[in-house]
Amino acid sequence: MKVSDPGILEKSTVFAMTPTEEASRFLFYPTWCGHYYCTDRYMLDRNSFPYLLVMYIQKGKMHIRYRGEETVALPGDIALLDCTEKHYYRAENNLEFYYLHYDGSNSHELTRHIMERSGWMIRKQNNRIVRDKIAKLLDGFGSGQAEAPMSLSLQIYEILELLAEPEENSGSIQALIQQSVAYIREHVGEEISLKTLADEVNLSVYYFSHCFKSVTGRSPMDFVINTRIERAKVLLIRTNRSIEEIAEEVGYATSGSLINLFRKHEGISPNRFRKTYFDH
């Protein structure tokens, strides 16, 4: 839906949502979600509004006054506000921003906890992931397709989880992912879950998965499968072990599991791979 408030350009979009009874009682839920393009006339000054607010600055500047502080939010910054408290913000320099108002069970307590931990002005490398998740919500609302309340709640929780993550510089992230890669290679014959990998480097599953793919180009579990297949190829060539023995050594309970994955990735069976190698 289009916006006609002063200072908001016509190409801006906003969606208002009413939660189901189940969502209002048990879940997090969105109430307003928008993507605004603003002139310097845009300004908002409120004593109180019932919802919580995440804003991602895409372009320009936003002057914000909240909790006795006044600051300027720049591109890449996120402001996290409990709008039941007095708040003021205004646009400058062709401001463009994404925002999400949300509410729900325990949402105010969790948001205040995050603000105590990270502050209400958040400057992190993973802020862009938050923007992308808000943009995804907007795309879903714009398509007119109804999304399950549980799914919406999960997406809001993931946004809050990202905001609660401790900041890591790129060098630290690289080191953590290399640590995870080493763990996979060392434990390739054991059961490896996504949660195990994330716990190993003390990151949430969602943030770990994003960082791992950003660094390696593969999802964590795709990387595990690829490592197992590559180890199996070495064993097929350098040993005379049976397919059953190799399957167990690379972490599969049955030879059938290895055969199916091997054929899917390599286009041939393990036995055929071994025969073709030695035929050459």
C-alpha atoms as a PDB file:
ATOM      1  CA  MET A   1       0.000   0.000   0.000  1.00  0.00           C
ATOM      2  CA  LYS A   2       1.195   3.526  -0.807  1.00  0.00           C
ATOM      3  CA  VAL A   3       2.002   6.177   1.798  1.00  0.00           C
ATOM      4  CA  SER A   4       0.769   9.771   1.718  1.00  0.00           C
ATOM      5  CA  ASP A   5       2.318  11.198   4.906  1.00  0.00           C
ATOM      6  CA  PRO A   6       4.336  14.442   4.615  1.00  0.00           C
ATOM      7  CA  GLY A   7       7.899  13.898   3.457  1.00  0.00           C
ATOM      8  CA  ILE A   8       7.352  10.324   2.231  1.00  0.00           C
ATOM      9  CA  LEU A   9       7.765   9.865  -1.517  1.00  0.00           C
ATOM     10  CA  GLU A  10       5.174   8.069  -3.612  1.00  0.00           C
ATOM     11  CA  LYS A  11       7.404   5.089  -4.446  1.00  0.00           C
ATOM     12  CA  SER A  12       7.485   4.132  -0.740  1.00  0.00           C
ATOM     13  CA  THR A  13       5.552   1.080   0.434  1.00  0.00           C
ATOM     14  CA  VAL A  14       4.035   0.042   3.750  1.00  0.00           C
ATOM     15  CA  PHE A  15       1.936  -2.872   4.985  1.00  0.00           C
ATOM     16  CA  ALA A  16      -0.196  -3.075   8.119  1.00  0.00           C
ATOM     17  CA  MET A  17      -0.907  -6.460   9.681  1.00  0.00           C
ATOM     18  CA  THR A  18      -3.417  -7.659  12.261  1.00  0.00           C
ATOM     19  CA  PRO A  19      -2.300 -10.733  14.233  1.00  0.00           C
ATOM     20  CA  THR A  20      -4.402 -13.832  14.698  1.00  0.00           C
ATOM     21  CA  GLU A  21      -5.631 -14.571  18.209  1.00  0.00           C
ATOM     22  CA  GLU A  22      -3.035 -17.352  18.495  1.00  0.00           C
ATOM     23  CA  ALA A  23      -0.213 -15.010  17.426  1.00  0.00           C
ATOM     24  CA  SER A  24      -1.267 -12.240  19.808  1.00  0.00           C
ATOM     25  CA  ARG A  25      -1.259 -14.685  22.721  1.00  0.00           C
ATOM     26  CA  PHE A  26       1.808 -16.819  22.056  1.00  0.00           C
ATOM     27  CA  LEU A  27       4.007 -15.496  19.224  1.00  0.00           C
ATOM     28  CA  PHE A  28       5.929 -12.535  17.882  1.00  0.00           C
ATOM     29  CA  TYR A  29       4.069 -10.796  15.069  1.00  0.00           C
ATOM     30  CA  PRO A  30       4.576  -7.856  12.677  1.00  0.00           C
ATOM     31  CA  THR A  31       2.222  -4.889  12.892  1.00  0.00           C
ATOM     32  CA  TRP A  32       3.731  -2.507  10.313  1.00  0.00           C
ATOM     33  CA  CYS A  33       6.461  -3.068   7.758  1.00  0.00           C
ATOM     34  CA  GLY A  34       7.727  -0.566   5.213  1.00  0.00           C
ATOM     35  CA  HIS A  35      10.367   0.739   2.838  1.00  0.00           C
ATOM     36  CA  TYR A  36      10.406   4.548   2.854  1.00  0.00           C
ATOM     37  CA  TYR A  37      12.002   7.101   0.559  1.00  0.00           C
ATOM     38  CA  CYS A  38      11.923  10.495   2.276  1.00  0.00           C
ATOM     39  CA  THR A  39      12.511  14.163   1.760  1.00  0.00           C
ATOM     40  CA  ASP A  40      13.834  16.344   4.553  1.00  0.00           C
ATOM     41  CA  ARG A  41      10.195  17.097   5.483  1.00  0.00           C
ATOM     42  CA  TYR A  42       9.776  13.638   7.004  1.00  0.00           C
ATOM     43  CA  MET A  43       9.672  13.786  10.790  1.00  0.00           C
ATOM     44  CA  LEU A  44       8.038  11.838  13.593  1.00  0.00           C
ATOM     45  CA  ASP A  45       7.707  12.930  17.228  1.00  0.00           C
ATOM     46  CA  ARG A  46       5.747  10.641  19.583  1.00  0.00           C
ATOM     47  CA  ASN A  47       5.371  10.289  23.309  1.00  0.00           C
ATOM     48  CA  SER A  48       4.320   6.680  22.964  1.00  0.00           C
ATOM     49  CA  PHE A  49       3.343   4.017  20.432  1.00  0.00           C
ATOM     50  CA  PRO A  50       2.467   0.460  21.484  1.00  0.00           C
ATOM     51  CA  TYR A  51       4.951  -1.420  19.288  1.00  0.00           C
ATOM     52  CA  LEU A  52       8.667  -2.136  19.011  1.00  0.00           C
ATOM     53  CA  LEU A  53      10.678  -0.888  16.040  1.00  0.00           C
ATOM     54  CA  VAL A  54      13.682  -1.949  13.957  1.00  0.00           C
ATOM     55  CA  MET A  55      14.911   0.550  11.329  1.00  0.00           C
ATOM     56  CA  TYR A  56      17.726  -0.074   8.826  1.00  0.00           C
ATOM     57  CA  ILE A  57      19.217   3.021   7.141  1.00  0.00           C
ATOM     58  CA  GLN A  58      19.832   2.324   3.462  1.00  0.00           C
ATOM     59  CA  LYS A  59      20.725   5.832   2.303  1.00  0.00           C
ATOM     60  CA  GLY A  60      20.976   9.381   3.675  1.00  0.00           C
ATOM     61  CA  LYS A  61      20.785  10.250   7.371  1.00  0.00           C
ATOM     62  CA  MET A  62      18.267   9.905  10.170  1.00  0.00           C
ATOM     63  CA  HIS A  63      18.483  12.127  13.252  1.00  0.00           C
ATOM     64  CA  ILE A  64      17.171  10.210  16.257  1.00  0.00           C
ATOM     65  CA  ARG A  65      16.455  11.375  19.804  1.00  0.00           C
ATOM     66  CA  TYR A  66      15.726   8.560  22.244  1.00  0.00           C
ATOM     67  CA  ARG A  67      16.358   7.836  25.932  1.00  0.00           C
ATOM     68  CA  GLY A  68      17.993  11.220  26.471  1.00  0.00           C
ATOM     69  CA  GLU A  69      20.472  10.744  23.617  1.00  0.00           C
ATOM     70  CA  GLU A  70      20.576  12.316  20.165  1.00  0.00           C
ATOM     71  CA  THR A  71      22.503  10.680  17.360  1.00  0.00           C
ATOM     72  CA  VAL A  72      22.675  10.468  13.569  1.00  0.00           C
ATOM     73  CA  ALA A  73      22.031   7.080  11.986  1.00  0.00           C
ATOM     74  CA  LEU A  74      24.028   6.549   8.769  1.00  0.00           C
ATOM     75  CA  PRO A  75      23.762   3.950   5.979  1.00  0.00           C
ATOM     76  CA  GLY A  76      24.186   0.462   7.420  1.00  0.00           C
ATOM     77  CA  ASP A  77      23.088   1.486  10.920  1.00  0.00           C
ATOM     78  CA  ILE A  78      20.129  -0.049  12.726  1.00  0.00           C
ATOM     79  CA  ALA A  79      18.018   1.697  15.354  1.00  0.00           C
ATOM     80  CA  LEU A  80      16.155  -0.561  17.783  1.00  0.00           C
ATOM     81  CA  LEU A  81      13.476   1.317  19.714  1.00  0.00           C
ATOM     82  CA  ASP A  82      10.821   0.479  22.261  1.00  0.00           C
ATOM     83  CA  CYS A  83       8.223   2.927  21.009  1.00  0.00           C
ATOM     84  CA  THR A  84       6.272   2.855  24.256  1.00  0.00           C
ATOM     85  CA  GLU A  85       8.996   5.329  25.298  1.00  0.00           C
ATOM     86  CA  LYS A  86       9.227   8.888  23.921  1.00  0.00           C
ATOM     87  CA  HIS A  87      11.043   8.989  20.574  1.00  0.00           C
ATOM     88  CA  TYR A  88      11.784  11.424  17.768  1.00  0.00           C
ATOM     89  CA  TYR A  89      13.402  11.059  14.356  1.00  0.00           C
ATOM     90  CA  ARG A  90      13.705  13.071  11.160  1.00  0.00           C
ATOM     91  CA  ALA A  91      15.135  12.644   7.678  1.00  0.00           C
ATOM     92  CA  GLU A  92      18.111  14.270   5.981  1.00  0.00           C
ATOM     93  CA  ASN A  93      19.891  13.849   2.627  1.00  0.00           C
ATOM     94  CA  ASN A  94      17.233  11.840   0.744  1.00  0.00           C
ATOM     95  CA  LEU A  95      16.761   9.299   3.506  1.00  0.00           C
ATOM     96  CA  GLU A  96      15.838   5.742   2.515  1.00  0.00           C
ATOM     97  CA  PHE A  97      15.157   3.160   5.189  1.00  0.00           C
ATOM     98  CA  TYR A  98      13.472  -0.174   5.915  1.00  0.00           C
ATOM     99  CA  TYR A  99      11.491  -0.684   9.084  1.00  0.00           C
ATOM    100  CA  LEU A 100       9.533  -3.261  11.018  1.00  0.00           C
ATOM    101  CA  HIS A 101       7.134  -2.651  13.893  1.00  0.00           C
ATOM    102  CA  TYR A 102       6.493  -5.817  15.875  1.00  0.00           C
ATOM    103  CA  ASP A 103       4.930  -7.006  19.116  1.00  0.00           C
ATOM    104  CA  GLY A 104       4.019 -10.230  20.861  1.00  0.00           C
ATOM    105  CA  SER A 105       4.614 -12.499  23.802  1.00  0.00           C
ATOM    106  CA  ASN A 106       7.756 -11.479  25.713  1.00  0.00           C
ATOM    107  CA  SER A 107       8.892  -9.297  22.779  1.00  0.00           C
ATOM    108  CA  HIS A 108       9.283  -6.139  24.862  1.00  0.00           C
ATOM    109  CA  GLU A 109      11.370  -7.896  27.506  1.00  0.00           C
ATOM    110  CA  LEU A 110      13.605  -9.520  24.874  1.00  0.00           C
ATOM    111  CA  THR A 111      14.059  -6.250  22.990  1.00  0.00           C
ATOM    112  CA  ARG A 112      15.000  -4.381  26.156  1.00  0.00           C
ATOM    113  CA  HIS A 113      17.500  -7.128  26.964  1.00  0.00           C
ATOM    114  CA  ILE A 114      19.098  -6.715  23.526  1.00  0.00           C
ATOM    115  CA  MET A 115      19.259  -2.937  23.972  1.00  0.00           C
ATOM    116  CA  GLU A 116      20.956  -3.390  27.342  1.00  0.00           C
ATOM    117  CA  ARG A 117      23.459  -5.714  25.720  1.00  0.00           C
ATOM    118  CA  SER A 118      24.072  -4.045  22.347  1.00  0.00           C
ATOM    119  CA  GLY A 119      22.646  -0.536  22.762  1.00  0.00           C
ATOM    120  CA  TRP A 120      19.757   0.898  20.764  1.00  0.00           C
ATOM    121  CA  MET A 121      21.980   2.135  17.919  1.00  0.00           C
ATOM    122  CA  ILE A 122      23.505  -0.982  16.390  1.00  0.00           C
ATOM    123  CA  ARG A 123      26.449  -0.920  13.999  1.00  0.00           C
ATOM    124  CA  LYS A 124      27.411  -4.446  12.962  1.00  0.00           C
ATOM    125  CA  GLN A 125      28.556  -6.221   9.828  1.00  0.00           C
ATOM    126  CA  ASN A 126      25.512  -8.467   9.907  1.00  0.00           C
ATOM    127  CA  ASN A 127      23.080  -5.518   9.808  1.00  0.00           C
ATOM    128  CA  ARG A 128      22.640  -6.143   6.084  1.00  0.00           C
ATOM    129  CA  ILE A 129      21.214  -9.566   6.875  1.00  0.00           C
ATOM    130  CA  VAL A 130      18.581  -7.857   9.007  1.00  0.00           C
ATOM    131  CA  ARG A 131      17.762  -5.532   6.109  1.00  0.00           C
ATOM    132  CA  ASP A 132      17.434  -8.512   3.773  1.00  0.00           C
ATOM    133  CA  LYS A 133      15.057 -10.238   6.171  1.00  0.00           C
ATOM    134  CA  ILE A 134      12.852  -7.145   6.421  1.00  0.00           C
ATOM    135  CA  ALA A 135      12.908  -6.855   2.627  1.00  0.00           C
ATOM    136  CA  LYS A 136      11.877 -10.518   2.392  1.00  0.00           C
ATOM    137  CA  LEU A 137       8.927  -9.841   4.691  1.00  0.00           C
ATOM    138  CA  LEU A 138       7.929  -6.905   2.477  1.00  0.00           C
ATOM    139  CA  ASP A 139       8.118  -9.072  -0.641  1.00  0.00           C
ATOM    140  CA  GLY A 140       5.882 -11.642   1.019  1.00  0.00           C
ATOM    141  CA  PHE A 141       3.306  -9.058   2.069  1.00  0.00           C
ATOM    142  CA  GLY A 142       3.418  -7.510  -1.401  1.00  0.00           C
ATOM    143  CA  SER A 143       2.759 -10.829  -3.116  1.00  0.00           C
ATOM    144  CA  GLY A 144      -0.511 -11.178  -1.214  1.00  0.00           C
ATOM    145  CA  GLN A 145       0.367 -14.689  -0.080  1.00  0.00           C
ATOM    146  CA  ALA A 146      -0.638 -15.413   3.506  1.00  0.00           C
ATOM    147  CA  GLU A 147       2.215 -16.630   5.685  1.00  0.00           C
ATOM    148  CA  ALA A 148       1.708 -18.816   8.731  1.00  0.00           C
ATOM    149  CA  PRO A 149       1.892 -16.940  12.061  1.00  0.00           C
ATOM    150  CA  MET A 150       4.572 -19.341  13.296  1.00  0.00           C
ATOM    151  CA  SER A 151       6.745 -18.567  10.264  1.00  0.00           C
ATOM    152  CA  LEU A 152       6.380 -14.809  10.766  1.00  0.00           C
ATOM    153  CA  SER A 153       7.238 -15.206  14.439  1.00  0.00           C
ATOM    154  CA  LEU A 154      10.352 -17.188  13.570  1.00  0.00           C
ATOM    155  CA  GLN A 155      11.516 -14.536  11.099  1.00  0.00           C
ATOM    156  CA  ILE A 156      11.155 -11.799  13.727  1.00  0.00           C
ATOM    157  CA  TYR A 157      13.015 -13.952  16.237  1.00  0.00           C
ATOM    158  CA  GLU A 158      15.852 -14.443  13.724  1.00  0.00           C
ATOM    159  CA  ILE A 159      16.101 -10.670  13.281  1.00  0.00           C
ATOM    160  CA  LEU A 160      16.354 -10.202  17.043  1.00  0.00           C
ATOM    161  CA  GLU A 161      18.876 -13.020  17.271  1.00  0.00           C
ATOM    162  CA  LEU A 162      21.074 -11.238  14.726  1.00  0.00           C
ATOM    163  CA  LEU A 163      20.829  -7.988  16.675  1.00  0.00           C
ATOM    164  CA  ALA A 164      21.791  -9.804  19.872  1.00  0.00           C
ATOM    165  CA  GLU A 165      24.879 -11.442  18.328  1.00  0.00           C
ATOM    166  CA  PRO A 166      28.208 -10.108  19.640  1.00  0.00           C
ATOM    167  CA  GLU A 167      30.073  -8.183  16.957  1.00  0.00           C
ATOM    168  CA  GLU A 168      32.854 -10.058  15.226  1.00  0.00           C
ATOM    169  CA  ASN A 169      35.310  -8.445  12.845  1.00  0.00           C
ATOM    170  CA  SER A 170      35.900 -10.101   9.486  1.00  0.00           C
ATOM    171  CA  GLY A 171      39.248 -11.556  10.592  1.00  0.00           C
ATOM    172  CA  SER A 172      37.626 -13.220  13.585  1.00  0.00           C
ATOM    173  CA  ILE A 173      34.842 -14.648  11.435  1.00  0.00           C
ATOM    174  CA  GLN A 174      37.368 -16.032   8.952  1.00  0.00           C
ATOM    175  CA  ALA A 175      39.245 -17.664  11.822  1.00  0.00           C
ATOM    176  CA  LEU A 176      36.070 -19.187  13.270  1.00  0.00           C
ATOM    177  CA  ILE A 177      35.034 -20.624   9.920  1.00  0.00           C
ATOM    178  CA  GLN A 178      38.509 -22.079   9.374  1.00  0.00           C
ATOM    179  CA  GLN A 179      38.204 -23.621  12.831  1.00  0.00           C
ATOM    180  CA  SER A 180      34.894 -25.141  11.771  1.00  0.00           C
ATOM    181  CA  VAL A 181      36.386 -26.468   8.514  1.00  0.00           C
ATOM    182  CA  ALA A 182      39.201 -28.099  10.497  1.00  0.00           C
ATOM    183  CA  TYR A 183      36.640 -29.657  12.843  1.00  0.00           C
ATOM    184  CA  ILE A 184      34.706 -31.131   9.904  1.00  0.00           C
ATOM    185  CA  ARG A 185      37.833 -32.652   8.390  1.00  0.00           C
ATOM    186  CA  GLU A 186      39.001 -34.055  11.712  1.00  0.00           C
ATOM    187  CA  HIS A 187      35.588 -35.545  12.605  1.00  0.00           C
ATOM    188  CA  VAL A 188      34.431 -36.527   9.125  1.00  0.00           C
ATOM    189  CA  GLY A 189      33.767 -40.104  10.253  1.00  0.00           C
ATOM    190  CA  GLU A 190      31.476 -39.016  13.075  1.00  0.00           C
ATOM    191  CA  GLU A 191      27.933 -37.684  13.195  1.00  0.00           C
ATOM    192  CA  ILE A 192      28.065 -33.933  12.482  1.00  0.00           C
ATOM    193  CA  SER A 193      25.034 -31.704  12.866  1.00  0.00           C
ATOM    194  CA  LEU A 194      24.584 -28.025  12.059  1.00  0.00           C
ATOM    195  CA  LYS A 195      24.031 -27.289  15.752  1.00  0.00           C
ATOM    196  CA  THR A 196      27.248 -29.102  16.669  1.00  0.00           C
ATOM    197  CA  LEU A 197      29.228 -26.948  14.243  1.00  0.00           C
ATOM    198  CA  ALA A 198      27.616 -23.709  15.420  1.00  0.00           C
ATOM    199  CA  ASP A 199      28.149 -24.601  19.091  1.00  0.00           C
ATOM    200  CA  GLU A 200      31.797 -25.389  18.386  1.00  0.00           C
ATOM    201  CA  VAL A 201      32.443 -21.741  17.449  1.00  0.00           C
ATOM    202  CA  ASN A 202      29.850 -20.202  19.828  1.00  0.00           C
ATOM    203  CA  LEU A 203      27.580 -18.721  17.143  1.00  0.00           C
ATOM    204  CA  SER A 204      23.857 -19.110  16.570  1.00  0.00           C
ATOM    205  CA  VAL A 205      22.889 -21.659  13.928  1.00  0.00           C
ATOM    206  CA  TYR A 206      21.449 -18.974  11.645  1.00  0.00           C
ATOM    207  CA  TYR A 207      24.423 -16.589  11.837  1.00  0.00           C
ATOM    208  CA  PHE A 208      26.950 -19.432  11.607  1.00  0.00           C
ATOM    209  CA  SER A 209      25.266 -20.784   8.456  1.00  0.00           C
ATOM    210  CA  HIS A 210      25.319 -17.353   6.828  1.00  0.00           C
ATOM    211  CA  CYS A 211      28.980 -16.716   7.689  1.00  0.00           C
ATOM    212  CA  PHE A 212      30.079 -20.210   6.658  1.00  0.00           C
ATOM    213  CA  LYS A 213      28.510 -19.903   3.209  1.00  0.00           C
ATOM    214  CA  SER A 214      29.882 -16.380   2.799  1.00  0.00           C
ATOM    215  CA  VAL A 215      33.429 -17.619   3.484  1.00  0.00           C
ATOM    216  CA  THR A 216      33.408 -21.041   1.791  1.00  0.00           C
ATOM    217  CA  GLY A 217      30.719 -20.688  -0.872  1.00  0.00           C
ATOM    218  CA  ARG A 218      28.883 -23.737   0.495  1.00  0.00           C
ATOM    219  CA  SER A 219      26.361 -24.324   3.249  1.00  0.00           C
ATOM    220  CA  PRO A 220      27.864 -26.101   6.274  1.00  0.00           C
ATOM    221  CA  MET A 221      26.117 -29.407   5.603  1.00  0.00           C
ATOM    222  CA  ASP A 222      26.951 -29.294   1.880  1.00  0.00           C
ATOM    223  CA  PHE A 223      30.567 -28.822   2.936  1.00  0.00           C
ATOM    224  CA  VAL A 224      30.300 -31.851   5.258  1.00  0.00           C
ATOM    225  CA  ILE A 225      28.922 -34.011   2.427  1.00  0.00           C
ATOM    226  CA  ASN A 226      31.577 -32.798  -0.010  1.00  0.00           C
ATOM    227  CA  THR A 227      34.332 -33.516   2.537  1.00  0.00           C
ATOM    228  CA  ARG A 228      32.989 -37.036   3.040  1.00  0.00           C
ATOM    229  CA  ILE A 229      32.815 -37.681  -0.709  1.00  0.00           C
ATOM    230  CA  GLU A 230      36.367 -36.410  -1.228  1.00  0.00           C
ATOM    231  CA  ARG A 231      37.646 -38.594   1.624  1.00  0.00           C
ATOM    232  CA  ALA A 232      35.803 -41.590   0.153  1.00  0.00           C
ATOM    233  CA  LYS A 233      37.451 -40.969  -3.244  1.00  0.00           C
ATOM    234  CA  VAL A 234      40.897 -41.037  -1.637  1.00  0.00           C
ATOM    235  CA  LEU A 235      40.093 -44.291   0.179  1.00  0.00           C
ATOM    236  CA  LEU A 236      38.701 -45.857  -2.997  1.00  0.00           C
ATOM    237  CA  ILE A 237      41.924 -45.118  -4.831  1.00  0.00           C
ATOM    238  CA  ARG A 238      44.531 -45.720  -2.122  1.00  0.00           C
ATOM    239  CA  THR A 239      43.062 -48.726  -0.284  1.00  0.00           C
ATOM    240  CA  ASN A 240      41.301 -51.949  -1.120  1.00  0.00           C
ATOM    241  CA  ARG A 241      38.685 -51.507   1.596  1.00  0.00           C
ATOM    242  CA  SER A 242      35.114 -52.478   0.830  1.00  0.00           C
ATOM    243  CA  ILE A 243      32.405 -49.883   0.181  1.00  0.00           C
ATOM    244  CA  GLU A 244      30.878 -50.800   3.559  1.00  0.00           C
ATOM    245  CA  GLU A 245      34.155 -50.081   5.368  1.00  0.00           C
ATOM    246  CA  ILE A 246      34.690 -46.810   3.532  1.00  0.00           C
ATOM    247  CA  ALA A 247      31.103 -45.706   4.245  1.00  0.00           C
ATOM    248  CA  GLU A 248      31.630 -46.245   7.963  1.00  0.00           C
ATOM    249  CA  GLU A 249      34.964 -44.388   7.908  1.00  0.00           C
ATOM    250  CA  VAL A 250      33.441 -41.292   6.297  1.00  0.00           C
ATOM    251  CA  GLY A 251      30.431 -41.125   8.599  1.00  0.00           C
ATOM    252  CA  TYR A 252      27.653 -43.137   6.945  1.00  0.00           C
ATOM    253  CA  ALA A 253      25.838 -45.928   8.737  1.00  0.00           C
ATOM    254  CA  THR A 254      25.194 -47.913   5.550  1.00  0.00           C
ATOM    255  CA  SER A 255      26.939 -48.386   2.235  1.00  0.00           C
ATOM    256  CA  GLY A 256      23.684 -47.458   0.515  1.00  0.00           C
ATOM    257  CA  SER A 257      23.833 -43.918   1.900  1.00  0.00           C
ATOM    258  CA  LEU A 258      27.354 -43.440   0.540  1.00  0.00           C
ATOM    259  CA  ILE A 259      26.500 -44.988  -2.812  1.00  0.00           C
ATOM    260  CA  ASN A 260      23.474 -42.753  -3.321  1.00  0.00           C
ATOM    261  CA  LEU A 261      25.312 -39.548  -2.383  1.00  0.00           C
ATOM    262  CA  PHE A 262      28.404 -40.521  -4.357  1.00  0.00           C
ATOM    263  CA  ARG A 263      26.345 -41.160  -7.476  1.00  0.00           C
ATOM    264  CA  LYS A 264      24.477 -37.877  -6.972  1.00  0.00           C
ATOM    265  CA  HIS A 265      27.701 -35.866  -6.673  1.00  0.00           C
ATOM    266  CA  GLU A 266      30.003 -37.724  -9.064  1.00  0.00           C
ATOM    267  CA  GLY A 267      27.552 -39.191 -11.553  1.00  0.00           C
ATOM    268  CA  ILE A 268      28.856 -42.740 -11.040  1.00  0.00           C
ATOM    269  CA  SER A 269      28.901 -45.339  -8.260  1.00  0.00           C
ATOM    270  CA  PRO A 270      31.913 -45.735  -5.917  1.00  0.00           C
ATOM    271  CA  ASN A 271      32.813 -49.084  -7.504  1.00  0.00           C
ATOM    272  CA  ARG A 272      32.647 -47.591 -10.973  1.00  0.00           C
ATOM    273  CA  PHE A 273      34.815 -44.670  -9.839  1.00  0.00           C
ATOM    274  CA  ARG A 274      37.446 -47.108  -8.485  1.00  0.00           C
ATOM    275  CA  LYS A 275      37.397 -49.235 -11.624  1.00  0.00           C
ATOM    276  CA  THR A 276      37.611 -46.232 -13.949  1.00  0.00           C
ATOM    277  CA  TYR A 277      40.611 -44.842 -12.057  1.00  0.00           C
ATOM    278  CA  PHE A 278      42.575 -48.089 -12.252  1.00  0.00           C
ATOM    279  CA  ASP A 279      41.572 -48.759 -15.864  1.00  0.00           C
ATOM    280  CA  HIS A 280      43.419 -45.565 -16.755  1.00  0.00           C
END
